[in-house]
Amino acid sequence: MRVVELEARHVRIPLRRKVTHASHTRTDTDNVVVRCVLSDGTVGFGEGVPRDYVTGETIDFSIDLLKRSALPDQLPACDDFIQAVQLAERLKLVPVPGDDRMIQGNAARCAVELALLDAFGRAFGEPLMNVTRILAPELYEPQERVQYSGVIGNPKGWKARVYPLVYRLAGFKQVKLKVGIPGTDDVKRTRRTRRWLGRKIDLRVDANEAWTPAEVADRVRALEPFGITSVEQPVRHEDVAALTEVRKQIRTPVMLDESLCGEVDAERAARGGWCDLFNLRLSKCGGFIPSLRLAQLAKRHGLGYQLGCQVGETAILSAAGRHFATSVKDIRYLEGSYDRHLVWESLSAEDLTFRRDGWAPVIVSPGLGAAVDTARVDWVTKRKEMLIG
């Protein structure tokens, strides 16, 4: 079984609501969707979400990088799913000059990797979650269902009270609050959010690089009376080494996100004592397999990890995230599957959005298990390039 066609597309999808955090405001999303066709006619899809302020990738950069990456030479025939998984792990894109973190191309790589694993998984009757069993058996712990976190951005007026109350009444166990947004009072917002959530819900905050090294400890300490359980990416990536000292001054565990995009970042963070937790996002980290390897690295260094997601993921990445969530043990927090709550077009015939209380079932179908609607993909396509075939 071999790859006979590989096609990359730029799809643009409007969001159902404006998403604002300290680093960016977004009303739509530009994603890479890759379609893979095998010699027996099996079709698979993958997705990446390039963000220039995270991994330095734009949508055109990602597609052009794929065109320059000699993919046909890296895709020999496979006789079984194990060989296909090994092929997917070996996949490399052409190096980007000056990219010492080796992360520019992660979204593009994720799209290709998932398309390959989806196609070969369907052909050999293996769900994506079995990649964990094959490559990281010490992390493999299948679950029948998982519960996702709620997220609160910067709602105005009555919504600032209603959103946390809705999460509380719906039965969510975890909520993330975006802080550091210009013009907002973080202490006031966190106090109000905690009051409406109640004391039982796990509340963490995400600063999206908003604070300077000189102020971050004071900022975090001001929020600690409200029982926050972690603070995510409190400083810019350029200042991340300052977190070694900051962690000594606060009680709250520190999570890295924008500063945790690959193995180089992870090794530096572990050696430098910069954090307590990694935020693993499949697109940001280069795919399902690189994210697994980062979870293993975290375990070796006594660190924790969450599974996050990119704003604007469609059902393709939601399905991949579900396979990761239901197969990897000890995930501290879980984000994703926001489909119909966030994007106008999820690209799937099925609704993978989590249920009212955040719970979502395991996907047992082969590959990603998501039925991609090609007509919907065509509708939102802005550009397409044939990579193989």
Protein backbone atom coordinates (compact mmCIF):
# COMPACT_ATOMS: atom_id res chain seq x y z
CA MET A 1 0.00 0.00 0.00
CA ARG A 2 1.46 3.34 -1.00
CA VAL A 3 0.55 7.00 -1.35
CA VAL A 4 -0.47 7.90 -4.91
CA GLU A 5 -1.89 11.39 -4.30
CA LEU A 6 -1.20 14.10 -1.75
CA GLU A 7 -2.90 17.48 -2.01
CA ALA A 8 -2.64 20.55 0.25
CA ARG A 9 -5.36 23.18 0.54
CA HIS A 10 -5.69 26.58 2.15
CA VAL A 11 -9.14 26.75 3.73
CA ARG A 12 -10.56 29.88 5.33
CA ILE A 13 -13.37 29.48 7.85
CA PRO A 14 -15.17 32.26 9.72
CA LEU A 15 -15.54 31.95 13.47
CA ARG A 16 -18.92 32.16 15.17
CA ARG A 17 -17.58 34.80 17.55
CA LYS A 18 -14.56 37.04 17.84
CA VAL A 19 -11.81 35.43 19.91
CA THR A 20 -9.61 37.83 21.87
CA HIS A 21 -6.59 37.18 24.05
CA ALA A 22 -3.46 39.11 24.96
CA SER A 23 -1.61 38.10 21.79
CA HIS A 24 -4.26 38.30 19.10
CA THR A 25 -7.85 38.96 18.06
CA ARG A 26 -9.34 36.62 15.46
CA THR A 27 -12.60 36.49 13.50
CA ASP A 28 -11.67 33.71 11.04
CA THR A 29 -9.09 30.98 10.65
CA ASP A 30 -6.74 30.00 7.81
CA ASN A 31 -5.95 26.29 7.98
CA VAL A 32 -3.99 23.74 5.94
CA VAL A 33 -6.00 20.67 4.96
CA VAL A 34 -4.11 17.77 3.35
CA ARG A 35 -5.84 15.00 1.40
CA CYS A 36 -4.03 11.66 1.00
CA VAL A 37 -5.05 8.90 -1.43
CA LEU A 38 -3.59 5.38 -1.22
CA SER A 39 -3.10 2.88 -4.04
CA ASP A 40 -6.27 0.99 -3.04
CA GLY A 41 -8.35 4.19 -3.23
CA THR A 42 -8.50 4.83 0.55
CA VAL A 43 -8.65 8.55 1.36
CA GLY A 44 -7.41 10.28 4.51
CA PHE A 45 -7.37 13.89 5.70
CA GLY A 46 -5.14 15.94 7.98
CA GLU A 47 -5.17 19.50 9.24
CA GLY A 48 -2.77 22.10 10.58
CA VAL A 49 -3.41 25.58 11.94
CA PRO A 50 -0.41 27.83 11.15
CA ARG A 51 0.03 30.84 13.44
CA ASP A 52 2.90 33.25 12.81
CA TYR A 53 2.92 34.40 16.44
CA VAL A 54 3.32 30.81 17.69
CA THR A 55 5.53 28.86 15.28
CA GLY A 56 6.35 31.56 12.72
CA GLU A 57 4.14 30.03 10.04
CA THR A 58 1.65 31.72 7.74
CA ILE A 59 -0.74 29.77 5.54
CA ASP A 60 1.24 30.44 2.35
CA PHE A 61 4.53 29.65 4.10
CA SER A 62 3.14 26.27 5.19
CA ILE A 63 1.93 25.23 1.75
CA ASP A 64 5.07 26.44 0.02
CA LEU A 65 7.18 24.54 2.56
CA LEU A 66 5.29 21.35 1.75
CA LYS A 67 5.93 21.88 -1.96
CA ARG A 68 9.69 22.14 -1.28
CA SER A 69 9.97 19.14 1.04
CA ALA A 70 10.57 16.19 -1.33
CA LEU A 71 7.64 14.27 0.12
CA PRO A 72 7.51 11.52 -2.56
CA ASP A 73 10.96 10.33 -1.54
CA GLN A 74 9.80 9.89 2.09
CA LEU A 75 6.71 7.79 1.44
CA PRO A 76 7.55 4.17 0.52
CA ALA A 77 4.96 1.42 0.43
CA CYS A 78 3.69 0.02 3.75
CA ASP A 79 2.54 -3.55 4.43
CA ASP A 80 0.86 -2.89 7.79
CA PHE A 81 -0.10 -0.12 10.19
CA ILE A 82 3.10 -0.36 12.24
CA GLN A 83 5.13 0.41 9.13
CA ALA A 84 2.80 3.32 8.38
CA VAL A 85 3.29 4.72 11.88
CA GLN A 86 7.06 4.44 11.49
CA LEU A 87 6.82 6.18 8.11
CA ALA A 88 4.78 9.00 9.66
CA GLU A 89 7.28 9.47 12.48
CA ARG A 90 10.20 9.75 10.03
CA LEU A 91 8.44 12.47 8.03
CA LYS A 92 10.56 15.64 7.82
CA LEU A 93 10.04 18.93 6.04
CA VAL A 94 12.86 20.95 4.52
CA PRO A 95 14.74 22.92 7.24
CA VAL A 96 14.06 26.64 7.55
CA PRO A 97 17.23 28.77 7.81
CA GLY A 98 17.61 30.39 11.23
CA ASP A 99 15.02 28.15 12.88
CA ASP A 100 17.10 27.03 15.86
CA ARG A 101 13.96 25.81 17.69
CA MET A 102 13.09 23.58 14.67
CA ILE A 103 9.39 24.49 14.80
CA GLN A 104 8.72 26.44 11.59
CA GLY A 105 6.69 23.94 9.62
CA ASN A 106 5.01 22.18 12.54
CA ALA A 107 1.47 22.98 11.38
CA ALA A 108 2.25 21.81 7.86
CA ARG A 109 3.88 18.64 9.13
CA CYS A 110 0.90 17.94 11.38
CA ALA A 111 -1.47 18.16 8.40
CA VAL A 112 0.54 15.66 6.36
CA GLU A 113 1.15 13.29 9.26
CA LEU A 114 -2.55 13.12 10.18
CA ALA A 115 -3.55 12.60 6.54
CA LEU A 116 -1.14 9.66 6.30
CA LEU A 117 -2.26 8.11 9.58
CA ASP A 118 -5.92 8.62 8.68
CA ALA A 119 -5.53 6.96 5.28
CA PHE A 120 -3.38 4.04 6.44
CA GLY A 121 -5.50 3.62 9.57
CA ARG A 122 -8.61 3.27 7.43
CA ALA A 123 -6.85 0.91 5.01
CA PHE A 124 -5.57 -1.38 7.79
CA GLY A 125 -8.58 -1.04 10.12
CA GLU A 126 -6.68 0.74 12.92
CA PRO A 127 -7.95 3.80 14.85
CA LEU A 128 -5.50 6.64 15.40
CA MET A 129 -5.41 6.02 19.16
CA ASN A 130 -3.50 2.79 18.47
CA VAL A 131 -0.48 4.94 17.58
CA THR A 132 -0.12 5.54 21.33
CA ARG A 133 -0.17 1.80 22.02
CA ILE A 134 2.52 1.23 19.38
CA LEU A 135 4.90 4.10 20.17
CA ALA A 136 4.27 4.94 23.82
CA PRO A 137 2.87 1.85 25.57
CA GLU A 138 3.82 3.26 28.99
CA LEU A 139 1.39 6.15 28.35
CA TYR A 140 -1.35 4.06 26.77
CA GLU A 141 -4.52 4.06 28.87
CA PRO A 142 -7.67 3.84 26.73
CA GLN A 143 -10.78 5.57 28.05
CA GLU A 144 -14.38 5.33 26.92
CA ARG A 145 -14.97 9.06 27.36
CA VAL A 146 -13.19 12.25 28.43
CA GLN A 147 -14.32 15.63 29.77
CA TYR A 148 -13.14 18.86 28.15
CA SER A 149 -12.51 22.21 29.84
CA GLY A 150 -14.50 25.36 29.38
CA VAL A 151 -12.73 28.55 28.27
CA ILE A 152 -13.63 32.15 29.12
CA GLY A 153 -12.09 34.88 26.99
CA ASN A 154 -13.16 38.46 27.51
CA PRO A 155 -16.98 38.53 27.56
CA LYS A 156 -18.63 41.89 28.16
CA GLY A 157 -21.56 42.93 30.33
CA TRP A 158 -23.98 40.24 31.43
CA LYS A 159 -22.00 37.56 29.57
CA ALA A 160 -19.14 37.96 32.06
CA ARG A 161 -21.44 36.53 34.72
CA VAL A 162 -23.44 34.14 32.59
CA TYR A 163 -20.52 32.24 31.04
CA PRO A 164 -19.03 30.93 34.31
CA LEU A 165 -22.51 30.23 35.68
CA VAL A 166 -23.37 28.21 32.57
CA TYR A 167 -20.22 26.11 32.98
CA ARG A 168 -21.07 25.54 36.63
CA LEU A 169 -24.67 24.51 35.98
CA ALA A 170 -23.69 22.33 33.01
CA GLY A 171 -21.33 20.25 35.15
CA PHE A 172 -17.89 21.24 33.84
CA LYS A 173 -15.00 20.35 36.15
CA GLN A 174 -12.35 22.67 34.67
CA VAL A 175 -12.37 26.22 33.24
CA LYS A 176 -9.57 28.35 31.78
CA LEU A 177 -9.74 32.14 32.07
CA LYS A 178 -7.84 34.39 29.66
CA VAL A 179 -6.01 37.16 31.52
CA GLY A 180 -3.58 39.94 30.59
CA ILE A 181 -5.97 41.44 28.03
CA PRO A 182 -5.32 45.20 27.70
CA GLY A 183 -7.89 47.37 29.45
CA THR A 184 -9.11 44.64 31.79
CA ASP A 185 -8.69 44.21 35.54
CA ASP A 186 -7.42 40.65 36.04
CA VAL A 187 -8.02 40.58 39.78
CA LYS A 188 -11.59 41.80 39.42
CA ARG A 189 -12.33 39.38 36.57
CA THR A 190 -10.78 36.39 38.35
CA ARG A 191 -12.63 37.19 41.58
CA ARG A 192 -15.93 37.48 39.73
CA THR A 193 -15.29 34.31 37.71
CA ARG A 194 -14.48 32.33 40.83
CA ARG A 195 -17.60 33.63 42.57
CA TRP A 196 -19.88 32.49 39.75
CA LEU A 197 -18.05 29.21 39.17
CA GLY A 198 -18.07 28.26 42.84
CA ARG A 199 -15.15 26.74 44.73
CA LYS A 200 -15.33 23.20 43.32
CA ILE A 201 -14.44 23.92 39.70
CA ASP A 202 -10.74 23.85 38.79
CA LEU A 203 -9.82 27.36 37.55
CA ARG A 204 -6.58 28.11 35.69
CA VAL A 205 -5.45 31.25 33.87
CA ASP A 206 -3.72 31.91 30.54
CA ALA A 207 -1.79 35.16 30.06
CA ASN A 208 -0.67 34.57 26.45
CA GLU A 209 2.73 36.28 26.97
CA ALA A 210 1.11 39.43 28.42
CA TRP A 211 3.42 40.22 31.35
CA THR A 212 7.02 41.33 31.79
CA PRO A 213 9.49 39.34 33.91
CA ALA A 214 9.56 42.18 36.46
CA GLU A 215 5.81 42.10 37.08
CA VAL A 216 4.81 38.48 36.56
CA ALA A 217 5.30 37.26 40.13
CA ASP A 218 3.17 40.08 41.54
CA ARG A 219 0.51 39.46 38.88
CA VAL A 220 0.27 35.79 39.72
CA ARG A 221 0.33 36.29 43.48
CA ALA A 222 -2.59 38.71 43.15
CA LEU A 223 -4.65 35.90 41.57
CA GLU A 224 -3.63 33.09 43.91
CA PRO A 225 -6.32 33.88 46.56
CA PHE A 226 -8.90 32.72 44.00
CA GLY A 227 -7.49 29.20 43.90
CA ILE A 228 -5.97 29.14 40.43
CA THR A 229 -4.28 25.82 39.64
CA SER A 230 -1.86 26.97 36.91
CA VAL A 231 -0.76 30.03 34.95
CA GLU A 232 -0.09 29.54 31.25
CA GLN A 233 2.66 31.37 29.32
CA PRO A 234 2.88 34.45 31.54
CA VAL A 235 5.80 36.05 29.63
CA ARG A 236 6.96 36.36 26.03
CA HIS A 237 9.02 33.51 24.65
CA GLU A 238 12.06 35.79 24.56
CA ASP A 239 11.79 36.18 28.34
CA VAL A 240 10.97 32.58 29.22
CA ALA A 241 14.25 31.93 31.07
CA ALA A 242 13.13 34.42 33.72
CA LEU A 243 10.53 31.90 34.86
CA THR A 244 13.21 29.93 36.72
CA GLU A 245 13.28 32.65 39.39
CA VAL A 246 9.59 33.48 39.10
CA ARG A 247 8.63 29.93 40.03
CA LYS A 248 10.48 30.36 43.33
CA GLN A 249 8.31 33.38 44.16
CA ILE A 250 4.85 31.95 43.48
CA ARG A 251 2.84 28.91 44.55
CA THR A 252 1.04 28.42 41.25
CA PRO A 253 2.42 25.89 38.72
CA VAL A 254 3.63 27.45 35.45
CA MET A 255 2.63 26.03 32.06
CA LEU A 256 4.44 26.78 28.80
CA ASP A 257 2.55 27.15 25.54
CA GLU A 258 4.06 29.53 22.97
CA SER A 259 7.47 28.55 24.40
CA LEU A 260 6.74 24.82 24.06
CA CYS A 261 6.46 23.94 20.38
CA GLY A 262 8.94 21.11 19.94
CA GLU A 263 11.66 18.92 21.39
CA VAL A 264 14.27 21.69 21.48
CA ASP A 265 11.92 23.90 23.49
CA ALA A 266 11.03 21.06 25.81
CA GLU A 267 14.62 20.09 26.55
CA ARG A 268 15.58 23.71 27.23
CA ALA A 269 12.59 24.18 29.52
CA ALA A 270 13.31 21.01 31.47
CA ARG A 271 17.02 21.82 31.89
CA GLY A 272 16.33 25.43 32.82
CA GLY A 273 13.54 24.74 35.28
CA TRP A 274 11.24 27.11 33.40
CA CYS A 275 7.93 25.33 34.01
CA ASP A 276 5.87 22.64 35.69
CA LEU A 277 3.61 21.77 32.76
CA PHE A 278 3.66 21.55 28.96
CA ASN A 279 0.71 22.61 26.80
CA LEU A 280 0.67 20.06 23.98
CA ARG A 281 -1.26 21.18 20.92
CA LEU A 282 -1.10 18.79 17.96
CA SER A 283 -0.74 21.42 15.24
CA LYS A 284 1.70 23.59 17.20
CA CYS A 285 3.85 20.59 18.14
CA GLY A 286 4.04 19.04 14.67
CA GLY A 287 1.46 16.28 14.89
CA PHE A 288 0.17 13.36 16.94
CA ILE A 289 3.49 11.54 17.17
CA PRO A 290 5.68 14.54 18.14
CA SER A 291 3.09 15.38 20.81
CA LEU A 292 3.36 11.84 22.15
CA ARG A 293 7.14 12.18 22.30
CA LEU A 294 6.80 15.45 24.22
CA ALA A 295 4.49 13.77 26.74
CA GLN A 296 7.15 11.08 27.21
CA LEU A 297 9.82 13.74 27.68
CA ALA A 298 7.66 15.52 30.26
CA LYS A 299 7.25 12.26 32.18
CA ARG A 300 11.00 11.63 32.19
CA HIS A 301 11.60 15.05 33.73
CA GLY A 302 8.80 14.83 36.29
CA LEU A 303 6.64 17.42 34.52
CA GLY A 304 2.93 17.38 33.71
CA TYR A 305 1.09 18.17 30.49
CA GLN A 306 -2.26 19.20 29.13
CA LEU A 307 -3.74 18.64 25.69
CA GLY A 308 -4.63 22.00 24.22
CA CYS A 309 -5.98 23.09 20.84
CA GLN A 310 -5.64 25.93 18.34
CA VAL A 311 -8.43 28.44 17.86
CA GLY A 312 -10.27 27.47 14.69
CA GLU A 313 -9.64 23.73 14.55
CA THR A 314 -12.18 21.84 12.47
CA ALA A 315 -13.45 18.31 13.07
CA ILE A 316 -10.25 16.88 11.56
CA LEU A 317 -8.05 18.14 14.39
CA SER A 318 -10.87 17.64 16.89
CA ALA A 319 -10.94 13.95 15.99
CA ALA A 320 -7.15 13.67 16.26
CA GLY A 321 -7.27 15.36 19.65
CA ARG A 322 -9.99 12.98 20.82
CA HIS A 323 -7.82 9.99 19.93
CA PHE A 324 -4.94 11.52 21.89
CA ALA A 325 -7.15 12.36 24.87
CA THR A 326 -8.72 8.90 25.06
CA SER A 327 -5.44 7.01 24.74
CA VAL A 328 -2.86 9.00 26.75
CA LYS A 329 -2.92 8.85 30.54
CA ASP A 330 -2.31 11.62 33.08
CA ILE A 331 -3.47 14.55 30.94
CA ARG A 332 -3.86 17.33 33.51
CA TYR A 333 -6.28 19.53 31.54
CA LEU A 334 -8.10 18.92 28.26
CA GLU A 335 -9.12 21.44 25.60
CA GLY A 336 -10.68 20.95 22.15
CA SER A 337 -13.77 19.71 20.28
CA TYR A 338 -15.30 23.21 20.32
CA ASP A 339 -16.49 22.70 16.73
CA ARG A 340 -20.06 24.05 16.51
CA HIS A 341 -19.41 26.48 19.35
CA LEU A 342 -16.63 28.22 17.41
CA VAL A 343 -16.37 27.50 13.65
CA TRP A 344 -19.11 28.00 11.08
CA GLU A 345 -17.88 25.02 9.09
CA SER A 346 -16.36 21.97 10.82
CA LEU A 347 -15.77 20.13 7.47
CA SER A 348 -17.33 16.93 8.81
CA ALA A 349 -20.67 15.23 8.26
CA GLU A 350 -20.62 14.33 11.95
CA ASP A 351 -20.72 16.64 14.96
CA LEU A 352 -17.71 15.99 17.20
CA THR A 353 -18.49 18.84 19.59
CA PHE A 354 -18.37 17.87 23.26
CA ARG A 355 -21.69 17.45 25.01
CA ARG A 356 -23.42 19.98 27.22
CA ASP A 357 -21.33 19.03 30.25
CA GLY A 358 -18.02 18.78 28.39
CA TRP A 359 -18.01 14.99 28.07
CA ALA A 360 -17.23 13.34 24.73
CA PRO A 361 -16.96 9.63 23.76
CA VAL A 362 -14.02 7.71 22.39
CA ILE A 363 -13.81 7.34 18.60
CA VAL A 364 -13.43 3.69 17.67
CA SER A 365 -13.66 3.90 13.86
CA PRO A 366 -10.46 3.36 11.83
CA GLY A 367 -8.18 6.29 11.08
CA LEU A 368 -9.41 9.59 12.46
CA GLY A 369 -12.96 8.29 12.42
CA ALA A 370 -14.28 11.60 11.08
CA ALA A 371 -16.24 11.60 7.82
CA VAL A 372 -14.86 14.67 6.03
CA ASP A 373 -17.37 16.31 3.69
CA THR A 374 -15.39 17.07 0.52
CA ALA A 375 -18.07 19.45 -0.78
CA ARG A 376 -17.64 21.57 2.35
CA VAL A 377 -13.88 21.50 1.93
CA ASP A 378 -14.31 22.69 -1.66
CA TRP A 379 -16.60 25.49 -0.49
CA VAL A 380 -14.00 27.04 1.86
CA THR A 381 -10.90 26.35 -0.27
CA LYS A 382 -8.85 29.41 -1.27
CA ARG A 383 -5.87 27.61 -2.80
CA LYS A 384 -4.85 24.06 -3.58
CA GLU A 385 -1.54 22.50 -4.55
CA MET A 386 -0.79 18.95 -5.66
CA LEU A 387 2.17 17.58 -3.73
CA ILE A 388 2.13 14.04 -5.14
CA GLY A 389 0.24 12.71 -8.15
